[in-house]
Amino acid sequence: MVSNWQVQQAARVVRQGGVIAYPTEAVWGLGCDPWNESAVARLLALKERPMNKGLILVADCIEQFDFLLDDLPDIWQDRLAGSWPGPNTWLVPHQQRLPEWITGQHSSVALRVSDHPVVRELCALTGPLVSTSANPAGRPAARSRLRVEQYFPQQLDKVLGGALGGRKNPSLIRDLISGDVIRPS
């Protein structure tokens, strides 16, 4: 069980520009403040991931993404609202409202509203977070805190404890406009 104090400490680290690890629905994630370019650059360096691939943002509620969703057609907003919170990541047009270090070379950004209690509590304190699997590129996603610490020995500013959400696979990724499945769950 993760205490509220531990989540508050992780949120403080994020607000100060740190990179953290935290449990998600299926695998451990790495996260940071998406508006902090140096934090995102550090996270990408840890993962050995190129910036042009883009990153997922996770939130505790759909309202945290209002700045991206407010002027979308109702049918798309209903599609999002009907699938969140839950294991659904959607590629949503970002309309140049996010920095390139988040969107990469894409005209859309990957968004998810988590149903994991630790992620939701954390995002309630920080706002949307970068959420990417805790592993160097080409290695299996970490499914334990021990694996996170083996992958990134003393390189993270905080590892927020807690249990994974019990899902076997990371979230389904779909394109909001076409409905096409990009990554099955």
C-alpha atoms as a PDB file:
ATOM      1  CA  MET A   1       0.000   0.000   0.000  1.00  0.00           C
ATOM      2  CA  VAL A   2       1.272   3.429  -0.951  1.00  0.00           C
ATOM      3  CA  SER A   3       0.693   6.246   1.500  1.00  0.00           C
ATOM      4  CA  ASN A   4      -0.599   9.671   0.545  1.00  0.00           C
ATOM      5  CA  TRP A   5       2.674  11.095   1.897  1.00  0.00           C
ATOM      6  CA  GLN A   6       4.703   8.945  -0.543  1.00  0.00           C
ATOM      7  CA  VAL A   7       2.577  10.140  -3.458  1.00  0.00           C
ATOM      8  CA  GLN A   8       2.982  13.749  -2.314  1.00  0.00           C
ATOM      9  CA  GLN A   9       6.765  13.275  -2.198  1.00  0.00           C
ATOM     10  CA  ALA A  10       6.774  11.869  -5.750  1.00  0.00           C
ATOM     11  CA  ALA A  11       4.627  14.797  -6.937  1.00  0.00           C
ATOM     12  CA  ARG A  12       7.103  17.223  -5.355  1.00  0.00           C
ATOM     13  CA  VAL A  13       9.974  15.511  -7.217  1.00  0.00           C
ATOM     14  CA  VAL A  14       8.054  15.818 -10.507  1.00  0.00           C
ATOM     15  CA  ARG A  15       7.310  19.512  -9.898  1.00  0.00           C
ATOM     16  CA  GLN A  16      11.030  20.071  -9.215  1.00  0.00           C
ATOM     17  CA  GLY A  17      11.985  18.590 -12.582  1.00  0.00           C
ATOM     18  CA  GLY A  18      12.743  15.039 -11.509  1.00  0.00           C
ATOM     19  CA  VAL A  19      12.205  11.738 -13.286  1.00  0.00           C
ATOM     20  CA  ILE A  20      10.307   9.079 -11.364  1.00  0.00           C
ATOM     21  CA  ALA A  21       9.216   5.473 -11.748  1.00  0.00           C
ATOM     22  CA  TYR A  22       5.756   4.348 -10.714  1.00  0.00           C
ATOM     23  CA  PRO A  23       3.462   1.334 -11.097  1.00  0.00           C
ATOM     24  CA  THR A  24       0.779   1.422 -13.786  1.00  0.00           C
ATOM     25  CA  GLU A  25      -1.938  -0.970 -14.882  1.00  0.00           C
ATOM     26  CA  ALA A  26       0.390  -3.548 -16.500  1.00  0.00           C
ATOM     27  CA  VAL A  27       4.036  -2.430 -16.309  1.00  0.00           C
ATOM     28  CA  TRP A  28       6.172   0.070 -14.434  1.00  0.00           C
ATOM     29  CA  GLY A  29       6.322   3.519 -15.961  1.00  0.00           C
ATOM     30  CA  LEU A  30       8.770   6.388 -16.073  1.00  0.00           C
ATOM     31  CA  GLY A  31       7.322   9.836 -15.717  1.00  0.00           C
ATOM     32  CA  CYS A  32       8.098  13.511 -15.478  1.00  0.00           C
ATOM     33  CA  ASP A  33       6.544  16.913 -16.063  1.00  0.00           C
ATOM     34  CA  PRO A  34       5.718  17.104 -19.793  1.00  0.00           C
ATOM     35  CA  TRP A  35       6.259  20.883 -19.795  1.00  0.00           C
ATOM     36  CA  ASN A  36       9.829  20.567 -18.453  1.00  0.00           C
ATOM     37  CA  GLU A  37      12.087  20.114 -21.482  1.00  0.00           C
ATOM     38  CA  SER A  38      15.169  19.120 -19.485  1.00  0.00           C
ATOM     39  CA  ALA A  39      13.228  16.495 -17.492  1.00  0.00           C
ATOM     40  CA  VAL A  40      11.820  14.994 -20.698  1.00  0.00           C
ATOM     41  CA  ALA A  41      15.286  15.024 -22.310  1.00  0.00           C
ATOM     42  CA  ARG A  42      16.697  13.191 -19.297  1.00  0.00           C
ATOM     43  CA  LEU A  43      13.885  10.619 -19.378  1.00  0.00           C
ATOM     44  CA  LEU A  44      14.470  10.025 -23.106  1.00  0.00           C
ATOM     45  CA  ALA A  45      18.221   9.633 -22.503  1.00  0.00           C
ATOM     46  CA  LEU A  46      17.570   7.077 -19.747  1.00  0.00           C
ATOM     47  CA  LYS A  47      15.349   5.099 -22.104  1.00  0.00           C
ATOM     48  CA  GLU A  48      17.680   5.604 -25.066  1.00  0.00           C
ATOM     49  CA  ARG A  49      14.578   6.697 -26.969  1.00  0.00           C
ATOM     50  CA  PRO A  50      14.666   9.278 -29.775  1.00  0.00           C
ATOM     51  CA  MET A  51      12.538  12.385 -29.303  1.00  0.00           C
ATOM     52  CA  ASN A  52      10.884  12.009 -32.709  1.00  0.00           C
ATOM     53  CA  LYS A  53       8.872   8.966 -31.531  1.00  0.00           C
ATOM     54  CA  GLY A  54       6.727  11.031 -29.153  1.00  0.00           C
ATOM     55  CA  LEU A  55       5.483  10.149 -25.680  1.00  0.00           C
ATOM     56  CA  ILE A  56       2.245   9.208 -23.926  1.00  0.00           C
ATOM     57  CA  LEU A  57       0.635  11.584 -21.451  1.00  0.00           C
ATOM     58  CA  VAL A  58      -1.425  10.152 -18.603  1.00  0.00           C
ATOM     59  CA  ALA A  59      -3.969  11.979 -16.437  1.00  0.00           C
ATOM     60  CA  ASP A  60      -6.343  11.243 -13.582  1.00  0.00           C
ATOM     61  CA  CYS A  61      -9.417  12.648 -15.331  1.00  0.00           C
ATOM     62  CA  ILE A  62     -10.442  13.761 -18.800  1.00  0.00           C
ATOM     63  CA  GLU A  63     -10.640  17.384 -17.632  1.00  0.00           C
ATOM     64  CA  GLN A  64      -6.844  17.486 -17.344  1.00  0.00           C
ATOM     65  CA  PHE A  65      -6.790  17.245 -21.143  1.00  0.00           C
ATOM     66  CA  ASP A  66      -9.437  19.937 -21.763  1.00  0.00           C
ATOM     67  CA  PHE A  67      -6.837  22.238 -23.350  1.00  0.00           C
ATOM     68  CA  LEU A  68      -6.496  19.634 -26.129  1.00  0.00           C
ATOM     69  CA  LEU A  69     -10.068  18.368 -26.329  1.00  0.00           C
ATOM     70  CA  ASP A  70     -12.385  21.363 -25.914  1.00  0.00           C
ATOM     71  CA  ASP A  71     -12.769  22.143 -29.610  1.00  0.00           C
ATOM     72  CA  LEU A  72     -12.897  18.556 -30.886  1.00  0.00           C
ATOM     73  CA  PRO A  73     -16.178  17.338 -32.414  1.00  0.00           C
ATOM     74  CA  ASP A  74     -18.648  15.903 -29.889  1.00  0.00           C
ATOM     75  CA  ILE A  75     -18.438  12.435 -31.438  1.00  0.00           C
ATOM     76  CA  TRP A  76     -14.688  12.283 -30.691  1.00  0.00           C
ATOM     77  CA  GLN A  77     -15.128  13.690 -27.187  1.00  0.00           C
ATOM     78  CA  ASP A  78     -17.827  11.061 -26.522  1.00  0.00           C
ATOM     79  CA  ARG A  79     -15.509   8.313 -27.788  1.00  0.00           C
ATOM     80  CA  LEU A  80     -12.825   9.423 -25.327  1.00  0.00           C
ATOM     81  CA  ALA A  81     -15.192   9.895 -22.402  1.00  0.00           C
ATOM     82  CA  GLY A  82     -16.717   6.465 -22.975  1.00  0.00           C
ATOM     83  CA  SER A  83     -13.357   4.718 -22.747  1.00  0.00           C
ATOM     84  CA  TRP A  84     -11.771   6.528 -19.786  1.00  0.00           C
ATOM     85  CA  PRO A  85     -10.617   5.913 -17.163  1.00  0.00           C
ATOM     86  CA  GLY A  86      -9.217   2.651 -18.395  1.00  0.00           C
ATOM     87  CA  PRO A  87      -6.643   0.837 -20.525  1.00  0.00           C
ATOM     88  CA  ASN A  88      -7.228   2.954 -23.623  1.00  0.00           C
ATOM     89  CA  THR A  89      -4.638   5.273 -25.112  1.00  0.00           C
ATOM     90  CA  TRP A  90      -5.862   7.508 -27.915  1.00  0.00           C
ATOM     91  CA  LEU A  91      -3.875   9.378 -30.549  1.00  0.00           C
ATOM     92  CA  VAL A  92      -5.457  12.839 -30.490  1.00  0.00           C
ATOM     93  CA  PRO A  93      -4.637  15.830 -32.735  1.00  0.00           C
ATOM     94  CA  HIS A  94      -2.508  18.189 -30.635  1.00  0.00           C
ATOM     95  CA  GLN A  95      -2.986  21.270 -32.840  1.00  0.00           C
ATOM     96  CA  GLN A  96       0.475  22.578 -31.860  1.00  0.00           C
ATOM     97  CA  ARG A  97      -0.632  22.908 -28.208  1.00  0.00           C
ATOM     98  CA  LEU A  98       2.162  20.688 -26.915  1.00  0.00           C
ATOM     99  CA  PRO A  99       5.917  20.966 -27.261  1.00  0.00           C
ATOM    100  CA  GLU A 100       7.786  18.914 -29.849  1.00  0.00           C
ATOM    101  CA  TRP A 101       9.659  17.049 -27.104  1.00  0.00           C
ATOM    102  CA  ILE A 102       6.280  15.403 -26.272  1.00  0.00           C
ATOM    103  CA  THR A 103       4.742  15.022 -29.728  1.00  0.00           C
ATOM    104  CA  GLY A 104       7.890  14.123 -31.641  1.00  0.00           C
ATOM    105  CA  GLN A 105       7.302  14.172 -35.388  1.00  0.00           C
ATOM    106  CA  HIS A 106       3.577  13.481 -35.059  1.00  0.00           C
ATOM    107  CA  SER A 107       0.481  15.635 -35.555  1.00  0.00           C
ATOM    108  CA  SER A 108      -1.216  13.717 -32.744  1.00  0.00           C
ATOM    109  CA  VAL A 109      -0.335  12.957 -29.141  1.00  0.00           C
ATOM    110  CA  ALA A 110      -1.012   9.773 -27.183  1.00  0.00           C
ATOM    111  CA  LEU A 111      -3.352  10.392 -24.214  1.00  0.00           C
ATOM    112  CA  ARG A 112      -4.674   8.078 -21.495  1.00  0.00           C
ATOM    113  CA  VAL A 113      -6.743   8.572 -18.365  1.00  0.00           C
ATOM    114  CA  SER A 114      -5.562   5.920 -15.959  1.00  0.00           C
ATOM    115  CA  ASP A 115      -7.690   3.796 -13.698  1.00  0.00           C
ATOM    116  CA  HIS A 116      -4.688   2.845 -11.526  1.00  0.00           C
ATOM    117  CA  PRO A 117      -5.200   4.411  -8.063  1.00  0.00           C
ATOM    118  CA  VAL A 118      -1.547   5.436  -7.567  1.00  0.00           C
ATOM    119  CA  VAL A 119      -1.302   7.011 -11.023  1.00  0.00           C
ATOM    120  CA  ARG A 120      -4.580   8.853 -10.511  1.00  0.00           C
ATOM    121  CA  GLU A 121      -3.549  10.194  -7.110  1.00  0.00           C
ATOM    122  CA  LEU A 122      -0.190  11.294  -8.506  1.00  0.00           C
ATOM    123  CA  CYS A 123      -1.728  13.020 -11.547  1.00  0.00           C
ATOM    124  CA  ALA A 124      -4.306  14.736  -9.328  1.00  0.00           C
ATOM    125  CA  LEU A 125      -1.341  16.475  -7.672  1.00  0.00           C
ATOM    126  CA  THR A 126       0.837  17.106 -10.735  1.00  0.00           C
ATOM    127  CA  GLY A 127      -1.475  17.359 -13.700  1.00  0.00           C
ATOM    128  CA  PRO A 128      -0.765  15.188 -16.745  1.00  0.00           C
ATOM    129  CA  LEU A 129       2.486  13.229 -16.644  1.00  0.00           C
ATOM    130  CA  VAL A 130       4.712  11.667 -19.236  1.00  0.00           C
ATOM    131  CA  SER A 131       4.045   7.940 -19.052  1.00  0.00           C
ATOM    132  CA  THR A 132       6.407   5.573 -20.814  1.00  0.00           C
ATOM    133  CA  SER A 133       7.410   2.046 -19.939  1.00  0.00           C
ATOM    134  CA  ALA A 134      10.308   1.736 -17.504  1.00  0.00           C
ATOM    135  CA  ASN A 135      12.904   0.053 -19.687  1.00  0.00           C
ATOM    136  CA  PRO A 136      15.767   0.956 -21.965  1.00  0.00           C
ATOM    137  CA  ALA A 137      14.854   0.745 -25.659  1.00  0.00           C
ATOM    138  CA  GLY A 138      14.708  -2.825 -26.880  1.00  0.00           C
ATOM    139  CA  ARG A 139      14.450  -4.380 -23.400  1.00  0.00           C
ATOM    140  CA  PRO A 140      11.271  -5.858 -21.867  1.00  0.00           C
ATOM    141  CA  ALA A 141       9.118  -3.459 -19.857  1.00  0.00           C
ATOM    142  CA  ALA A 142       9.769  -3.677 -16.117  1.00  0.00           C
ATOM    143  CA  ARG A 143       7.127  -5.623 -14.214  1.00  0.00           C
ATOM    144  CA  SER A 144       8.745  -5.206 -10.796  1.00  0.00           C
ATOM    145  CA  ARG A 145      10.393  -2.481  -8.763  1.00  0.00           C
ATOM    146  CA  LEU A 146      13.538  -4.601  -8.657  1.00  0.00           C
ATOM    147  CA  ARG A 147      13.723  -4.647 -12.480  1.00  0.00           C
ATOM    148  CA  VAL A 148      13.274  -0.848 -12.569  1.00  0.00           C
ATOM    149  CA  GLU A 149      16.177  -0.453 -10.155  1.00  0.00           C
ATOM    150  CA  GLN A 150      18.292  -2.886 -12.193  1.00  0.00           C
ATOM    151  CA  TYR A 151      17.597  -1.005 -15.414  1.00  0.00           C
ATOM    152  CA  PHE A 152      18.211   2.431 -13.890  1.00  0.00           C
ATOM    153  CA  PRO A 153      20.511   1.996 -10.867  1.00  0.00           C
ATOM    154  CA  GLN A 154      20.497   5.238  -8.880  1.00  0.00           C
ATOM    155  CA  GLN A 155      19.511   7.210 -11.996  1.00  0.00           C
ATOM    156  CA  LEU A 156      15.940   8.076 -10.987  1.00  0.00           C
ATOM    157  CA  ASP A 157      14.951  10.805  -8.569  1.00  0.00           C
ATOM    158  CA  LYS A 158      12.202   8.715  -6.982  1.00  0.00           C
ATOM    159  CA  VAL A 159      10.698   5.255  -7.268  1.00  0.00           C
ATOM    160  CA  LEU A 160       7.108   5.376  -6.053  1.00  0.00           C
ATOM    161  CA  GLY A 161       6.162   1.984  -4.665  1.00  0.00           C
ATOM    162  CA  GLY A 162       2.944   0.110  -5.152  1.00  0.00           C
ATOM    163  CA  ALA A 163       1.517  -2.820  -7.026  1.00  0.00           C
ATOM    164  CA  LEU A 164       0.831  -3.105 -10.722  1.00  0.00           C
ATOM    165  CA  GLY A 165      -2.821  -2.972 -11.696  1.00  0.00           C
ATOM    166  CA  GLY A 166      -3.063  -6.610 -12.703  1.00  0.00           C
ATOM    167  CA  ARG A 167      -3.378  -6.202 -16.460  1.00  0.00           C
ATOM    168  CA  LYS A 168      -1.344  -8.536 -18.629  1.00  0.00           C
ATOM    169  CA  ASN A 169      -0.520  -6.046 -21.410  1.00  0.00           C
ATOM    170  CA  PRO A 170       0.001  -2.294 -21.749  1.00  0.00           C
ATOM    171  CA  SER A 171      -2.936  -0.216 -22.922  1.00  0.00           C
ATOM    172  CA  LEU A 172      -4.582  -0.464 -26.300  1.00  0.00           C
ATOM    173  CA  ILE A 173      -3.551   2.423 -28.567  1.00  0.00           C
ATOM    174  CA  ARG A 174      -6.067   3.695 -31.133  1.00  0.00           C
ATOM    175  CA  ASP A 175      -6.277   6.627 -33.481  1.00  0.00           C
ATOM    176  CA  LEU A 176      -9.130   8.923 -32.424  1.00  0.00           C
ATOM    177  CA  ILE A 177     -10.025  10.077 -35.926  1.00  0.00           C
ATOM    178  CA  SER A 178      -9.975   6.743 -37.746  1.00  0.00           C
ATOM    179  CA  GLY A 179     -10.599   4.397 -34.816  1.00  0.00           C
ATOM    180  CA  ASP A 180      -7.762   2.187 -36.122  1.00  0.00           C
ATOM    181  CA  VAL A 181      -5.883   0.069 -33.585  1.00  0.00           C
ATOM    182  CA  ILE A 182      -2.219   1.058 -33.542  1.00  0.00           C
ATOM    183  CA  ARG A 183      -1.148  -1.294 -30.713  1.00  0.00           C
ATOM    184  CA  PRO A 184      -3.409  -4.090 -29.505  1.00  0.00           C
ATOM    185  CA  SER A 185      -3.687  -4.685 -25.779  1.00  0.00           C
END
